[in-house]
């Protein structure tokens, strides 16, 4: 099987699996980012970045762990770092999500 055929097979398989997981035969091609509720207080950003690094430094979380906080203006939103090791988190890595 050529590299191009493998890529096409993996792409088609991934789309089919996503559709079966979503139910009803719906295929999810892309997930939209939720609208932001505004920037976090700078102190909360600093605390979240520090918490990631401190817990990683003490071995509480590793490359697969995470730390999150509720948004300071809306408790139904939370902020977590993107897919990066906690020891490497920076303020630019933080992403806001809906709780539900």
Protein backbone atom coordinates (compact mmCIF):
# COMPACT_ATOMS: atom_id res chain seq x y z
CA UNK A 1 0.00 0.00 0.00
CA UNK A 2 1.48 3.36 -0.98
CA UNK A 3 1.85 6.27 1.44
CA UNK A 4 -0.93 8.20 -0.34
CA UNK A 5 -3.30 5.23 -0.09
CA UNK A 6 -2.49 4.82 3.61
CA UNK A 7 -3.23 8.47 4.28
CA UNK A 8 -6.54 8.26 2.42
CA UNK A 9 -7.45 5.06 4.28
CA UNK A 10 -6.62 6.60 7.67
CA UNK A 11 -8.52 9.79 6.84
CA UNK A 12 -11.61 7.88 5.71
CA UNK A 13 -11.42 5.55 8.74
CA UNK A 14 -11.12 8.50 11.12
CA UNK A 15 -14.13 10.23 9.59
CA UNK A 16 -16.17 7.01 9.72
CA UNK A 17 -15.23 6.45 13.37
CA UNK A 18 -16.08 10.03 14.29
CA UNK A 19 -19.44 9.61 12.60
CA UNK A 20 -20.23 6.41 14.45
CA UNK A 21 -19.20 7.93 17.78
CA UNK A 22 -21.36 10.99 17.14
CA UNK A 23 -24.36 8.75 16.46
CA UNK A 24 -27.01 9.03 13.83
CA UNK A 25 -24.49 8.78 11.00
CA UNK A 26 -23.44 12.41 11.49
CA UNK A 27 -19.80 13.01 10.63
CA UNK A 28 -18.11 15.79 12.58
CA UNK A 29 -15.50 17.39 10.38
CA UNK A 30 -14.42 20.23 12.65
CA UNK A 31 -15.19 21.48 16.11
CA UNK A 32 -15.82 25.19 16.51
CA UNK A 33 -14.12 26.99 19.35
CA UNK A 34 -16.55 28.44 21.87
CA UNK A 35 -16.82 32.19 22.07
CA UNK A 36 -14.73 33.68 24.83
CA UNK A 37 -16.31 35.22 27.89
CA UNK A 38 -13.49 37.73 28.07
CA UNK A 39 -9.94 37.61 29.34
CA UNK A 40 -9.12 36.13 32.72
CA UNK A 41 -7.69 38.29 35.45
CA UNK A 42 -3.90 38.35 35.01
CA UNK A 43 -3.37 36.95 38.51
CA UNK A 44 -5.54 33.92 37.66
CA UNK A 45 -3.56 33.31 34.47
CA UNK A 46 -0.30 33.50 36.45
CA UNK A 47 -1.71 31.11 39.08
CA UNK A 48 -2.83 28.58 36.48
CA UNK A 49 0.53 28.60 34.70
CA UNK A 50 2.37 28.32 38.04
CA UNK A 51 0.09 25.47 39.20
CA UNK A 52 0.86 23.48 36.04
CA UNK A 53 4.60 23.92 36.50
CA UNK A 54 4.62 23.30 40.26
CA UNK A 55 2.57 20.10 40.03
CA UNK A 56 4.75 18.87 37.17
CA UNK A 57 7.88 19.72 39.15
CA UNK A 58 6.63 17.64 42.10
CA UNK A 59 5.63 14.73 39.86
CA UNK A 60 1.90 15.08 40.60
CA UNK A 61 1.09 15.44 36.88
CA UNK A 62 3.19 14.36 33.93
CA UNK A 63 2.81 14.81 30.17
CA UNK A 64 -0.77 13.50 30.43
CA UNK A 65 -1.97 15.43 33.48
CA UNK A 66 -3.70 18.78 33.52
CA UNK A 67 -4.79 21.65 35.74
CA UNK A 68 -7.84 23.80 35.06
CA UNK A 69 -9.74 26.70 36.65
CA UNK A 70 -13.25 28.04 36.36
CA UNK A 71 -13.53 31.32 34.48
CA UNK A 72 -13.56 34.23 36.94
CA UNK A 73 -16.57 35.87 35.20
CA UNK A 74 -18.64 32.80 34.30
CA UNK A 75 -18.57 29.59 36.39
CA UNK A 76 -19.96 27.59 33.45
CA UNK A 77 -16.68 28.16 31.56
CA UNK A 78 -13.27 26.79 32.41
CA UNK A 79 -9.73 27.41 31.27
CA UNK A 80 -7.16 24.68 30.65
CA UNK A 81 -3.92 24.51 28.69
CA UNK A 82 -3.83 23.16 25.16
CA UNK A 83 -2.19 19.80 24.55
CA UNK A 84 1.23 20.54 26.00
CA UNK A 85 3.13 19.04 28.91
CA UNK A 86 2.23 20.85 32.17
CA UNK A 87 5.88 21.71 32.79
CA UNK A 88 5.92 23.73 29.56
CA UNK A 89 2.64 25.66 29.90
CA UNK A 90 2.73 29.40 29.14
CA UNK A 91 -0.09 31.98 29.21
CA UNK A 92 -0.40 31.61 25.43
CA UNK A 93 -1.31 27.94 25.83
CA UNK A 94 -4.53 28.57 27.76
CA UNK A 95 -7.89 27.82 26.12
CA UNK A 96 -11.40 28.57 27.36
CA UNK A 97 -14.16 25.93 27.15
CA UNK A 98 -17.82 25.49 28.03
CA UNK A 99 -18.47 23.31 31.06
CA UNK A 100 -21.31 21.49 29.31
